[in-house]
Amino acid sequence: MTTRTIAYTDGACSGNPGPGGWAWVVPHGPHGSGGGDHSTNQRMELMAVLDAIRSLEGPLEIVSDSTYVVNCFRDRWWEGWLRRGWINSQKKPVANRDLWEPLIELYQERDISFRWVKGHSGDRWNEEADRLAVEAGGRQTAVRGETEESAPGESVATHSPAAPEIEGHVLVVMGHRPPELGGYGENLFTAAVRDQLRTVIEAKATVHEDLVVISGMNLGAETLAIEAAAEASVPYEAILPFPHPESRWPSDSQKRFRSLVDQARTVRTLERKTPDSNQKVAGSFRRREAWMRRNADEAIVIWDGKDGAIGKSVRSLQDDLGEENVWVINPNELK
């Protein structure tokens, strides 16, 4: 009897379009991932499936959280596309034909089935594929390897949420760091930003009784947001990229950080090991930001409208949450 290989696939994109990543993983077996510097979520989902089929032999079961992928085969969209000469049911050219065409050819030649799984629902291997895709999007290089083994009940990923899904209406805060906010110490500028954040958080708490603020705990806007939440008596959760990210900070900043972390409702450390290079640290921060975007309902961003990196985060949040759910506060208007 021929064994059917199960492969979990996923795609991720920072902005839509924007830099993206794709990945597939066979439980307790091989995995592959890669990136695209100007892509979309749908293209990354398709790339993950296409590469998995090209890389793995024999009968396959593809497990994906993309209805775009799974429904094409479950509902046999592809048959209509071929019949109409790659025109969809709305009489428009099929999007992403350059990926769909080789994928459907392989599907016709091979023994391949598709199964949908709900994304970010705690499925071990869906989470692993997601982690690899996000990592590939940040790294923009192709990787092949074998899945690491883990103890029973433990996530296989070295980068994984340390607790279940966040309970409540989740507000994430991001933005400028100390150089753009008057320096590392307390000053009139940081006080004005904190007061504005408290005002917005208090207003949102009157609408959402279960409001919870999440923060990556970086110095600057993220730490000010936590202090504002505490002043407003709104619970907050600290989302750390890896253990002790504050170790390189000035001693006063470290004390402030630890005090705030001690008062958090929950502290989630997404990676078990501290990165050993600046490049890996940067990758950890990108993955942490992507995790927060995925788990948020609304966002506040402290942005002067000029910083390109923060602007990119704003666009990604708007893509993920909708423009109406992203508040941008210009700190220069608070001076």
C-alpha atoms as a PDB file:
ATOM      1  CA  MET A   1       0.000   0.000   0.000  1.00  0.00           C
ATOM      2  CA  THR A   2       1.465   3.369  -1.023  1.00  0.00           C
ATOM      3  CA  THR A   3       1.891   5.875   1.796  1.00  0.00           C
ATOM      4  CA  ARG A   4       0.440   9.343   1.246  1.00  0.00           C
ATOM      5  CA  THR A   5       2.784  12.127   2.365  1.00  0.00           C
ATOM      6  CA  ILE A   6       1.144  14.998   4.245  1.00  0.00           C
ATOM      7  CA  ALA A   7       2.599  18.461   3.672  1.00  0.00           C
ATOM      8  CA  TYR A   8       1.439  21.619   5.442  1.00  0.00           C
ATOM      9  CA  THR A   9       1.819  24.813   3.382  1.00  0.00           C
ATOM     10  CA  ASP A  10       1.520  28.507   4.138  1.00  0.00           C
ATOM     11  CA  GLY A  11       2.287  31.937   2.701  1.00  0.00           C
ATOM     12  CA  ALA A  12       2.889  35.300   4.349  1.00  0.00           C
ATOM     13  CA  CYS A  13       3.265  38.840   3.093  1.00  0.00           C
ATOM     14  CA  SER A  14       4.289  42.092   4.782  1.00  0.00           C
ATOM     15  CA  GLY A  15       1.989  44.366   2.834  1.00  0.00           C
ATOM     16  CA  ASN A  16      -0.131  43.196  -0.062  1.00  0.00           C
ATOM     17  CA  PRO A  17       1.788  43.573  -2.318  1.00  0.00           C
ATOM     18  CA  GLY A  18       5.063  43.595  -0.451  1.00  0.00           C
ATOM     19  CA  PRO A  19       7.920  41.308   0.571  1.00  0.00           C
ATOM     20  CA  GLY A  20       6.549  37.819   1.122  1.00  0.00           C
ATOM     21  CA  GLY A  21       7.528  34.320   2.160  1.00  0.00           C
ATOM     22  CA  TRP A  22       6.238  30.816   1.569  1.00  0.00           C
ATOM     23  CA  ALA A  23       6.889  27.471   3.246  1.00  0.00           C
ATOM     24  CA  TRP A  24       5.892  23.838   3.402  1.00  0.00           C
ATOM     25  CA  VAL A  25       6.659  21.250   6.056  1.00  0.00           C
ATOM     26  CA  VAL A  26       6.193  17.494   6.340  1.00  0.00           C
ATOM     27  CA  PRO A  27       5.584  16.473   9.974  1.00  0.00           C
ATOM     28  CA  HIS A  28       8.815  14.975  11.341  1.00  0.00           C
ATOM     29  CA  GLY A  29      10.295  15.268   7.862  1.00  0.00           C
ATOM     30  CA  PRO A  30      11.666  17.725   5.311  1.00  0.00           C
ATOM     31  CA  HIS A  31      10.665  21.339   4.877  1.00  0.00           C
ATOM     32  CA  GLY A  32      11.278  24.077   2.332  1.00  0.00           C
ATOM     33  CA  SER A  33      10.780  27.826   2.201  1.00  0.00           C
ATOM     34  CA  GLY A  34      11.566  30.866   0.089  1.00  0.00           C
ATOM     35  CA  GLY A  35      10.578  34.455  -0.535  1.00  0.00           C
ATOM     36  CA  GLY A  36       9.483  37.067  -3.038  1.00  0.00           C
ATOM     37  CA  ASP A  37      10.442  40.714  -2.679  1.00  0.00           C
ATOM     38  CA  HIS A  38       7.248  42.118  -4.268  1.00  0.00           C
ATOM     39  CA  SER A  39       4.407  39.657  -3.950  1.00  0.00           C
ATOM     40  CA  THR A  40       0.952  39.014  -2.486  1.00  0.00           C
ATOM     41  CA  ASN A  41      -0.489  36.623   0.092  1.00  0.00           C
ATOM     42  CA  GLN A  42      -2.193  34.573  -2.615  1.00  0.00           C
ATOM     43  CA  ARG A  43       0.970  34.188  -4.684  1.00  0.00           C
ATOM     44  CA  MET A  44       2.910  33.079  -1.619  1.00  0.00           C
ATOM     45  CA  GLU A  45       0.232  30.491  -0.780  1.00  0.00           C
ATOM     46  CA  LEU A  46       0.453  29.142  -4.331  1.00  0.00           C
ATOM     47  CA  MET A  47       4.272  29.101  -4.308  1.00  0.00           C
ATOM     48  CA  ALA A  48       4.246  27.036  -1.112  1.00  0.00           C
ATOM     49  CA  VAL A  49       1.978  24.397  -2.668  1.00  0.00           C
ATOM     50  CA  LEU A  50       3.792  24.358  -5.999  1.00  0.00           C
ATOM     51  CA  ASP A  51       7.216  23.917  -4.408  1.00  0.00           C
ATOM     52  CA  ALA A  52       5.947  21.193  -2.068  1.00  0.00           C
ATOM     53  CA  ILE A  53       4.563  19.181  -4.985  1.00  0.00           C
ATOM     54  CA  ARG A  54       7.739  19.652  -7.016  1.00  0.00           C
ATOM     55  CA  SER A  55       9.919  18.650  -4.061  1.00  0.00           C
ATOM     56  CA  LEU A  56       8.006  15.625  -2.761  1.00  0.00           C
ATOM     57  CA  GLU A  57       7.417  12.369  -4.593  1.00  0.00           C
ATOM     58  CA  GLY A  58       4.470   9.996  -4.516  1.00  0.00           C
ATOM     59  CA  PRO A  59       0.854  10.598  -3.400  1.00  0.00           C
ATOM     60  CA  LEU A  60       0.415  13.833  -1.462  1.00  0.00           C
ATOM     61  CA  GLU A  61      -2.105  15.457   0.839  1.00  0.00           C
ATOM     62  CA  ILE A  62      -1.659  19.250   0.950  1.00  0.00           C
ATOM     63  CA  VAL A  63      -2.982  20.872   4.132  1.00  0.00           C
ATOM     64  CA  SER A  64      -3.495  24.631   3.783  1.00  0.00           C
ATOM     65  CA  ASP A  65      -5.327  27.424   5.617  1.00  0.00           C
ATOM     66  CA  SER A  66      -5.931  29.171   2.272  1.00  0.00           C
ATOM     67  CA  THR A  67      -9.468  28.778   0.908  1.00  0.00           C
ATOM     68  CA  TYR A  68      -8.109  30.373  -2.268  1.00  0.00           C
ATOM     69  CA  VAL A  69      -6.007  27.243  -2.805  1.00  0.00           C
ATOM     70  CA  VAL A  70      -8.189  24.512  -1.328  1.00  0.00           C
ATOM     71  CA  ASN A  71     -11.504  25.624  -2.847  1.00  0.00           C
ATOM     72  CA  CYS A  72     -10.015  25.647  -6.344  1.00  0.00           C
ATOM     73  CA  PHE A  73      -9.650  21.867  -6.152  1.00  0.00           C
ATOM     74  CA  ARG A  74     -12.525  21.077  -3.790  1.00  0.00           C
ATOM     75  CA  ASP A  75     -15.014  23.034  -5.939  1.00  0.00           C
ATOM     76  CA  ARG A  76     -13.193  22.254  -9.206  1.00  0.00           C
ATOM     77  CA  TRP A  77     -12.754  25.887 -10.263  1.00  0.00           C
ATOM     78  CA  TRP A  78      -9.839  24.828 -12.411  1.00  0.00           C
ATOM     79  CA  GLU A  79     -12.049  22.821 -14.751  1.00  0.00           C
ATOM     80  CA  GLY A  80     -14.035  25.963 -15.659  1.00  0.00           C
ATOM     81  CA  TRP A  81     -10.833  27.933 -16.134  1.00  0.00           C
ATOM     82  CA  LEU A  82      -9.496  25.411 -18.624  1.00  0.00           C
ATOM     83  CA  ARG A  83     -12.836  25.127 -20.404  1.00  0.00           C
ATOM     84  CA  ARG A  84     -13.077  28.894 -20.830  1.00  0.00           C
ATOM     85  CA  GLY A  85      -9.432  29.384 -21.823  1.00  0.00           C
ATOM     86  CA  TRP A  86      -8.238  30.741 -18.440  1.00  0.00           C
ATOM     87  CA  ILE A  87     -11.199  33.077 -17.986  1.00  0.00           C
ATOM     88  CA  ASN A  88     -12.910  33.006 -14.587  1.00  0.00           C
ATOM     89  CA  SER A  89     -16.647  33.012 -13.812  1.00  0.00           C
ATOM     90  CA  GLN A  90     -16.650  36.846 -13.831  1.00  0.00           C
ATOM     91  CA  LYS A  91     -15.333  36.716 -17.429  1.00  0.00           C
ATOM     92  CA  LYS A  92     -11.948  38.106 -16.404  1.00  0.00           C
ATOM     93  CA  PRO A  93      -8.481  36.587 -16.875  1.00  0.00           C
ATOM     94  CA  VAL A  94      -7.556  34.233 -14.030  1.00  0.00           C
ATOM     95  CA  ALA A  95      -5.173  35.982 -11.634  1.00  0.00           C
ATOM     96  CA  ASN A  96      -1.816  34.323 -10.946  1.00  0.00           C
ATOM     97  CA  ARG A  97      -2.133  32.091 -14.017  1.00  0.00           C
ATOM     98  CA  ASP A  98       1.658  31.716 -14.169  1.00  0.00           C
ATOM     99  CA  LEU A  99       1.451  29.754 -10.895  1.00  0.00           C
ATOM    100  CA  TRP A 100      -1.944  28.116 -11.296  1.00  0.00           C
ATOM    101  CA  GLU A 101      -1.125  26.616 -14.693  1.00  0.00           C
ATOM    102  CA  PRO A 102       1.876  24.474 -13.635  1.00  0.00           C
ATOM    103  CA  LEU A 103       0.125  23.613 -10.370  1.00  0.00           C
ATOM    104  CA  ILE A 104      -2.984  22.309 -12.139  1.00  0.00           C
ATOM    105  CA  GLU A 105      -0.846  20.370 -14.626  1.00  0.00           C
ATOM    106  CA  LEU A 106       0.894  18.610 -11.728  1.00  0.00           C
ATOM    107  CA  TYR A 107      -2.479  17.989 -10.042  1.00  0.00           C
ATOM    108  CA  GLN A 108      -3.731  16.257 -13.189  1.00  0.00           C
ATOM    109  CA  GLU A 109      -0.586  14.117 -13.420  1.00  0.00           C
ATOM    110  CA  ARG A 110      -0.161  13.188  -9.746  1.00  0.00           C
ATOM    111  CA  ASP A 111      -2.230  11.702  -6.912  1.00  0.00           C
ATOM    112  CA  ILE A 112      -2.779  14.884  -4.881  1.00  0.00           C
ATOM    113  CA  SER A 113      -5.560  15.810  -2.451  1.00  0.00           C
ATOM    114  CA  PHE A 114      -6.198  19.039  -0.520  1.00  0.00           C
ATOM    115  CA  ARG A 115      -7.471  19.649   3.004  1.00  0.00           C
ATOM    116  CA  TRP A 116      -8.293  22.971   4.676  1.00  0.00           C
ATOM    117  CA  VAL A 117      -7.208  23.784   8.230  1.00  0.00           C
ATOM    118  CA  LYS A 118      -8.140  26.891  10.170  1.00  0.00           C
ATOM    119  CA  GLY A 119      -5.112  29.175  10.473  1.00  0.00           C
ATOM    120  CA  HIS A 120      -3.675  30.211  13.854  1.00  0.00           C
ATOM    121  CA  SER A 121      -5.949  27.779  15.680  1.00  0.00           C
ATOM    122  CA  GLY A 122      -3.219  25.852  17.487  1.00  0.00           C
ATOM    123  CA  ASP A 123      -2.565  23.219  14.802  1.00  0.00           C
ATOM    124  CA  ARG A 124       1.075  22.316  15.404  1.00  0.00           C
ATOM    125  CA  TRP A 125       2.165  21.919  11.793  1.00  0.00           C
ATOM    126  CA  ASN A 126       0.126  24.806  10.416  1.00  0.00           C
ATOM    127  CA  GLU A 127       1.852  27.019  12.976  1.00  0.00           C
ATOM    128  CA  GLU A 128       5.228  25.618  11.924  1.00  0.00           C
ATOM    129  CA  ALA A 129       4.550  26.334   8.260  1.00  0.00           C
ATOM    130  CA  ASP A 130       3.437  29.844   9.189  1.00  0.00           C
ATOM    131  CA  ARG A 131       6.620  30.432  11.202  1.00  0.00           C
ATOM    132  CA  LEU A 132       8.824  29.276   8.344  1.00  0.00           C
ATOM    133  CA  ALA A 133       6.922  31.449   5.845  1.00  0.00           C
ATOM    134  CA  VAL A 134       7.224  34.595   7.986  1.00  0.00           C
ATOM    135  CA  GLU A 135      10.909  33.862   8.554  1.00  0.00           C
ATOM    136  CA  ALA A 136      11.469  33.368   4.820  1.00  0.00           C
ATOM    137  CA  GLY A 137       9.714  36.648   4.080  1.00  0.00           C
ATOM    138  CA  GLY A 138      12.146  38.482   6.308  1.00  0.00           C
ATOM    139  CA  ARG A 139      15.199  36.593   5.075  1.00  0.00           C
ATOM    140  CA  GLN A 140      14.306  36.477   1.341  1.00  0.00           C
ATOM    141  CA  THR A 141      16.423  33.373   0.730  1.00  0.00           C
ATOM    142  CA  ALA A 142      15.470  29.762  -0.022  1.00  0.00           C
ATOM    143  CA  VAL A 143      16.039  27.122   2.662  1.00  0.00           C
ATOM    144  CA  ARG A 144      15.755  23.332   2.745  1.00  0.00           C
ATOM    145  CA  GLY A 145      16.062  21.206   5.859  1.00  0.00           C
ATOM    146  CA  GLU A 146      14.655  18.616   8.216  1.00  0.00           C
ATOM    147  CA  THR A 147      12.073  19.416  10.884  1.00  0.00           C
ATOM    148  CA  GLU A 148      13.459  19.471  14.408  1.00  0.00           C
ATOM    149  CA  GLU A 149      12.040  16.948  16.860  1.00  0.00           C
ATOM    150  CA  SER A 150      10.412  18.183  20.075  1.00  0.00           C
ATOM    151  CA  ALA A 151       9.192  16.773  23.345  1.00  0.00           C
ATOM    152  CA  PRO A 152       5.573  15.547  23.518  1.00  0.00           C
ATOM    153  CA  GLY A 153       3.207  18.480  23.852  1.00  0.00           C
ATOM    154  CA  GLU A 154       5.897  21.026  22.959  1.00  0.00           C
ATOM    155  CA  SER A 155       5.754  23.139  19.828  1.00  0.00           C
ATOM    156  CA  VAL A 156       8.239  22.020  17.211  1.00  0.00           C
ATOM    157  CA  ALA A 157       9.063  25.599  16.340  1.00  0.00           C
ATOM    158  CA  THR A 158      11.837  27.467  18.060  1.00  0.00           C
ATOM    159  CA  HIS A 159       9.728  30.560  17.361  1.00  0.00           C
ATOM    160  CA  SER A 160       6.262  29.983  18.787  1.00  0.00           C
ATOM    161  CA  PRO A 161       3.703  31.770  20.929  1.00  0.00           C
ATOM    162  CA  ALA A 162       4.166  30.884  24.588  1.00  0.00           C
ATOM    163  CA  ALA A 163       0.454  31.050  25.345  1.00  0.00           C
ATOM    164  CA  PRO A 164      -2.921  30.513  23.617  1.00  0.00           C
ATOM    165  CA  GLU A 165      -4.805  33.104  21.616  1.00  0.00           C
ATOM    166  CA  ILE A 166      -5.248  36.452  23.365  1.00  0.00           C
ATOM    167  CA  GLU A 167      -8.595  36.896  25.102  1.00  0.00           C
ATOM    168  CA  GLY A 168     -10.397  40.185  24.577  1.00  0.00           C
ATOM    169  CA  HIS A 169     -10.428  43.037  22.048  1.00  0.00           C
ATOM    170  CA  VAL A 170      -6.752  43.394  21.199  1.00  0.00           C
ATOM    171  CA  LEU A 171      -5.113  46.784  20.611  1.00  0.00           C
ATOM    172  CA  VAL A 172      -1.484  46.795  19.453  1.00  0.00           C
ATOM    173  CA  VAL A 173       0.713  49.900  19.722  1.00  0.00           C
ATOM    174  CA  MET A 174       3.842  50.528  17.643  1.00  0.00           C
ATOM    175  CA  GLY A 175       5.923  53.491  16.583  1.00  0.00           C
ATOM    176  CA  HIS A 176       8.979  55.649  17.095  1.00  0.00           C
ATOM    177  CA  ARG A 177      11.802  54.873  19.494  1.00  0.00           C
ATOM    178  CA  PRO A 178      13.623  57.296  21.847  1.00  0.00           C
ATOM    179  CA  PRO A 179      15.765  59.265  19.354  1.00  0.00           C
ATOM    180  CA  GLU A 180      12.587  60.618  17.719  1.00  0.00           C
ATOM    181  CA  LEU A 181      10.793  61.094  21.042  1.00  0.00           C
ATOM    182  CA  GLY A 182      13.212  63.405  22.821  1.00  0.00           C
ATOM    183  CA  GLY A 183      15.743  60.892  24.136  1.00  0.00           C
ATOM    184  CA  TYR A 184      15.864  57.919  26.495  1.00  0.00           C
ATOM    185  CA  GLY A 185      14.851  59.759  29.663  1.00  0.00           C
ATOM    186  CA  GLU A 186      11.533  61.257  30.699  1.00  0.00           C
ATOM    187  CA  ASN A 187      10.795  64.605  29.018  1.00  0.00           C
ATOM    188  CA  LEU A 188       7.884  66.834  28.029  1.00  0.00           C
ATOM    189  CA  PHE A 189       7.684  65.128  24.630  1.00  0.00           C
ATOM    190  CA  THR A 190       7.330  61.591  26.009  1.00  0.00           C
ATOM    191  CA  ALA A 191       4.820  62.834  28.577  1.00  0.00           C
ATOM    192  CA  ALA A 192       2.683  64.358  25.795  1.00  0.00           C
ATOM    193  CA  VAL A 193       2.771  61.131  23.772  1.00  0.00           C
ATOM    194  CA  ARG A 194       1.853  59.068  26.851  1.00  0.00           C
ATOM    195  CA  ASP A 195      -1.050  61.396  27.678  1.00  0.00           C
ATOM    196  CA  GLN A 196      -2.390  61.141  24.125  1.00  0.00           C
ATOM    197  CA  LEU A 197      -2.102  57.353  24.192  1.00  0.00           C
ATOM    198  CA  ARG A 198      -3.937  57.216  27.518  1.00  0.00           C
ATOM    199  CA  THR A 199      -6.741  59.365  26.108  1.00  0.00           C
ATOM    200  CA  VAL A 200      -7.186  57.061  23.094  1.00  0.00           C
ATOM    201  CA  ILE A 201      -6.926  53.873  25.180  1.00  0.00           C
ATOM    202  CA  GLU A 202      -9.502  55.159  27.678  1.00  0.00           C
ATOM    203  CA  ALA A 203     -11.871  56.021  24.820  1.00  0.00           C
ATOM    204  CA  LYS A 204     -11.502  52.562  23.302  1.00  0.00           C
ATOM    205  CA  ALA A 205     -12.046  50.932  26.704  1.00  0.00           C
ATOM    206  CA  THR A 206     -15.478  52.572  26.931  1.00  0.00           C
ATOM    207  CA  VAL A 207     -16.418  50.866  23.652  1.00  0.00           C
ATOM    208  CA  HIS A 208     -14.719  47.521  24.358  1.00  0.00           C
ATOM    209  CA  GLU A 209     -15.026  46.416  27.972  1.00  0.00           C
ATOM    210  CA  ASP A 210     -12.645  43.528  27.274  1.00  0.00           C
ATOM    211  CA  LEU A 211      -9.924  45.772  25.797  1.00  0.00           C
ATOM    212  CA  VAL A 212      -6.352  44.523  26.200  1.00  0.00           C
ATOM    213  CA  VAL A 213      -3.242  46.317  24.969  1.00  0.00           C
ATOM    214  CA  ILE A 214      -0.332  44.316  23.544  1.00  0.00           C
ATOM    215  CA  SER A 215       3.140  45.720  23.076  1.00  0.00           C
ATOM    216  CA  GLY A 216       6.514  44.517  21.894  1.00  0.00           C
ATOM    217  CA  MET A 217       8.017  46.491  24.796  1.00  0.00           C
ATOM    218  CA  ASN A 218      10.578  48.352  22.684  1.00  0.00           C
ATOM    219  CA  LEU A 219      11.757  51.634  24.145  1.00  0.00           C
ATOM    220  CA  GLY A 220       9.724  54.584  22.937  1.00  0.00           C
ATOM    221  CA  ALA A 221       6.110  54.360  21.758  1.00  0.00           C
ATOM    222  CA  GLU A 222       5.637  50.733  22.791  1.00  0.00           C
ATOM    223  CA  THR A 223       6.784  51.277  26.382  1.00  0.00           C
ATOM    224  CA  LEU A 224       4.844  54.540  26.639  1.00  0.00           C
ATOM    225  CA  ALA A 225       1.708  52.665  25.534  1.00  0.00           C
ATOM    226  CA  ILE A 226       2.118  50.154  28.343  1.00  0.00           C
ATOM    227  CA  GLU A 227       2.490  52.954  30.883  1.00  0.00           C
ATOM    228  CA  ALA A 228      -0.593  54.647  29.407  1.00  0.00           C
ATOM    229  CA  ALA A 229      -2.575  51.394  29.646  1.00  0.00           C
ATOM    230  CA  ALA A 230      -1.563  50.999  33.287  1.00  0.00           C
ATOM    231  CA  GLU A 231      -2.646  54.581  34.039  1.00  0.00           C
ATOM    232  CA  ALA A 232      -5.978  53.862  32.331  1.00  0.00           C
ATOM    233  CA  SER A 233      -6.398  50.605  34.319  1.00  0.00           C
ATOM    234  CA  VAL A 234      -6.508  48.600  31.074  1.00  0.00           C
ATOM    235  CA  PRO A 235      -4.759  45.194  31.158  1.00  0.00           C
ATOM    236  CA  TYR A 236      -1.759  44.709  28.920  1.00  0.00           C
ATOM    237  CA  GLU A 237       0.370  41.854  27.638  1.00  0.00           C
ATOM    238  CA  ALA A 238       4.093  41.993  26.904  1.00  0.00           C
ATOM    239  CA  ILE A 239       5.137  40.273  23.659  1.00  0.00           C
ATOM    240  CA  LEU A 240       8.862  39.566  23.793  1.00  0.00           C
ATOM    241  CA  PRO A 241      10.767  38.380  20.706  1.00  0.00           C
ATOM    242  CA  PHE A 242      13.204  36.293  22.792  1.00  0.00           C
ATOM    243  CA  PRO A 243      14.399  36.116  26.431  1.00  0.00           C
ATOM    244  CA  HIS A 244      15.736  39.370  27.931  1.00  0.00           C
ATOM    245  CA  PRO A 245      15.662  41.675  24.883  1.00  0.00           C
ATOM    246  CA  GLU A 246      16.464  44.550  27.255  1.00  0.00           C
ATOM    247  CA  SER A 247      19.953  43.232  28.099  1.00  0.00           C
ATOM    248  CA  ARG A 248      21.699  45.779  25.820  1.00  0.00           C
ATOM    249  CA  TRP A 249      19.741  48.787  27.078  1.00  0.00           C
ATOM    250  CA  PRO A 250      20.932  51.438  29.586  1.00  0.00           C
ATOM    251  CA  SER A 251      20.520  50.269  33.190  1.00  0.00           C
ATOM    252  CA  ASP A 252      17.689  52.722  33.969  1.00  0.00           C
ATOM    253  CA  SER A 253      15.780  51.542  30.905  1.00  0.00           C
ATOM    254  CA  GLN A 254      16.262  47.921  31.959  1.00  0.00           C
ATOM    255  CA  LYS A 255      14.769  48.621  35.401  1.00  0.00           C
ATOM    256  CA  ARG A 256      11.789  50.387  33.833  1.00  0.00           C
ATOM    257  CA  PHE A 257      11.285  47.485  31.408  1.00  0.00           C
ATOM    258  CA  ARG A 258      11.366  44.832  34.155  1.00  0.00           C
ATOM    259  CA  SER A 259       8.946  46.762  36.318  1.00  0.00           C
ATOM    260  CA  LEU A 260       6.436  46.962  33.479  1.00  0.00           C
ATOM    261  CA  VAL A 261       6.874  43.307  32.535  1.00  0.00           C
ATOM    262  CA  ASP A 262       6.258  42.269  36.153  1.00  0.00           C
ATOM    263  CA  GLN A 263       2.862  44.015  36.050  1.00  0.00           C
ATOM    264  CA  ALA A 264       1.742  42.512  32.722  1.00  0.00           C
ATOM    265  CA  ARG A 265      -1.304  40.249  32.600  1.00  0.00           C
ATOM    266  CA  THR A 266       0.687  37.832  30.465  1.00  0.00           C
ATOM    267  CA  VAL A 267       4.239  37.759  29.147  1.00  0.00           C
ATOM    268  CA  ARG A 268       4.684  35.872  25.881  1.00  0.00           C
ATOM    269  CA  THR A 269       8.191  35.051  24.690  1.00  0.00           C
ATOM    270  CA  LEU A 270       7.996  33.991  21.047  1.00  0.00           C
ATOM    271  CA  GLU A 271      11.444  32.421  20.698  1.00  0.00           C
ATOM    272  CA  ARG A 272      13.189  30.225  23.219  1.00  0.00           C
ATOM    273  CA  LYS A 273      16.744  31.243  22.331  1.00  0.00           C
ATOM    274  CA  THR A 274      18.423  34.660  22.185  1.00  0.00           C
ATOM    275  CA  PRO A 275      19.755  35.308  18.633  1.00  0.00           C
ATOM    276  CA  ASP A 276      23.536  35.306  18.283  1.00  0.00           C
ATOM    277  CA  SER A 277      23.863  38.032  15.621  1.00  0.00           C
ATOM    278  CA  ASN A 278      22.383  41.434  14.808  1.00  0.00           C
ATOM    279  CA  GLN A 279      20.877  40.008  11.627  1.00  0.00           C
ATOM    280  CA  LYS A 280      19.055  37.291  13.560  1.00  0.00           C
ATOM    281  CA  VAL A 281      17.918  39.832  16.142  1.00  0.00           C
ATOM    282  CA  ALA A 282      16.378  41.920  13.357  1.00  0.00           C
ATOM    283  CA  GLY A 283      14.614  38.805  12.027  1.00  0.00           C
ATOM    284  CA  SER A 284      13.210  38.079  15.486  1.00  0.00           C
ATOM    285  CA  PHE A 285      11.806  41.584  15.741  1.00  0.00           C
ATOM    286  CA  ARG A 286      10.151  41.245  12.303  1.00  0.00           C
ATOM    287  CA  ARG A 287       8.556  37.947  13.284  1.00  0.00           C
ATOM    288  CA  ARG A 288       7.339  39.460  16.564  1.00  0.00           C
ATOM    289  CA  GLU A 289       5.719  42.375  14.696  1.00  0.00           C
ATOM    290  CA  ALA A 290       4.030  39.958  12.264  1.00  0.00           C
ATOM    291  CA  TRP A 291       2.727  37.908  15.218  1.00  0.00           C
ATOM    292  CA  MET A 292       1.224  41.000  16.840  1.00  0.00           C
ATOM    293  CA  ARG A 293      -0.435  42.075  13.582  1.00  0.00           C
ATOM    294  CA  ARG A 294      -2.030  38.660  13.217  1.00  0.00           C
ATOM    295  CA  ASN A 295      -3.434  38.743  16.742  1.00  0.00           C
ATOM    296  CA  ALA A 296      -4.659  42.366  16.862  1.00  0.00           C
ATOM    297  CA  ASP A 297      -8.106  43.829  16.257  1.00  0.00           C
ATOM    298  CA  GLU A 298      -6.988  47.472  16.182  1.00  0.00           C
ATOM    299  CA  ALA A 299      -3.722  49.407  16.188  1.00  0.00           C
ATOM    300  CA  ILE A 300      -2.241  52.731  17.225  1.00  0.00           C
ATOM    301  CA  VAL A 301       0.969  53.846  15.530  1.00  0.00           C
ATOM    302  CA  ILE A 302       3.091  56.793  16.667  1.00  0.00           C
ATOM    303  CA  TRP A 303       4.455  58.031  13.335  1.00  0.00           C
ATOM    304  CA  ASP A 304       5.699  61.364  12.057  1.00  0.00           C
ATOM    305  CA  GLY A 305       4.767  60.471   8.477  1.00  0.00           C
ATOM    306  CA  LYS A 306       8.411  60.413   7.390  1.00  0.00           C
ATOM    307  CA  ASP A 307      10.085  57.287   8.777  1.00  0.00           C
ATOM    308  CA  GLY A 308       9.932  54.694   5.976  1.00  0.00           C
ATOM    309  CA  ALA A 309      10.138  51.601   8.183  1.00  0.00           C
ATOM    310  CA  ILE A 310       7.253  52.723  10.376  1.00  0.00           C
ATOM    311  CA  GLY A 311       5.307  53.714   7.280  1.00  0.00           C
ATOM    312  CA  LYS A 312       5.709  50.173   6.001  1.00  0.00           C
ATOM    313  CA  SER A 313       4.341  48.848   9.305  1.00  0.00           C
ATOM    314  CA  VAL A 314       1.354  51.191   8.998  1.00  0.00           C
ATOM    315  CA  ARG A 315       0.554  49.859   5.519  1.00  0.00           C
ATOM    316  CA  SER A 316       0.885  46.254   6.703  1.00  0.00           C
ATOM    317  CA  LEU A 317      -1.450  46.935   9.629  1.00  0.00           C
ATOM    318  CA  GLN A 318      -3.966  48.592   7.313  1.00  0.00           C
ATOM    319  CA  ASP A 319      -3.824  45.588   4.993  1.00  0.00           C
ATOM    320  CA  ASP A 320      -4.348  43.153   7.877  1.00  0.00           C
ATOM    321  CA  LEU A 321      -6.841  45.102  10.024  1.00  0.00           C
ATOM    322  CA  GLY A 322      -8.439  47.589   7.634  1.00  0.00           C
ATOM    323  CA  GLU A 323      -7.621  51.290   7.423  1.00  0.00           C
ATOM    324  CA  GLU A 324     -10.506  52.185   9.737  1.00  0.00           C
ATOM    325  CA  ASN A 325      -8.914  50.153  12.553  1.00  0.00           C
ATOM    326  CA  VAL A 326      -5.463  51.786  12.443  1.00  0.00           C
ATOM    327  CA  TRP A 327      -4.992  55.089  14.289  1.00  0.00           C
ATOM    328  CA  VAL A 328      -1.915  57.144  13.383  1.00  0.00           C
ATOM    329  CA  ILE A 329      -0.723  59.769  15.883  1.00  0.00           C
ATOM    330  CA  ASN A 330       1.877  62.295  14.671  1.00  0.00           C
ATOM    331  CA  PRO A 331       4.108  63.029  17.672  1.00  0.00           C
ATOM    332  CA  ASN A 332       5.218  66.337  16.176  1.00  0.00           C
ATOM    333  CA  GLU A 333       1.670  67.644  16.555  1.00  0.00           C
ATOM    334  CA  LEU A 334       1.891  67.086  20.326  1.00  0.00           C
ATOM    335  CA  LYS A 335       4.876  69.372  20.902  1.00  0.00           C
END
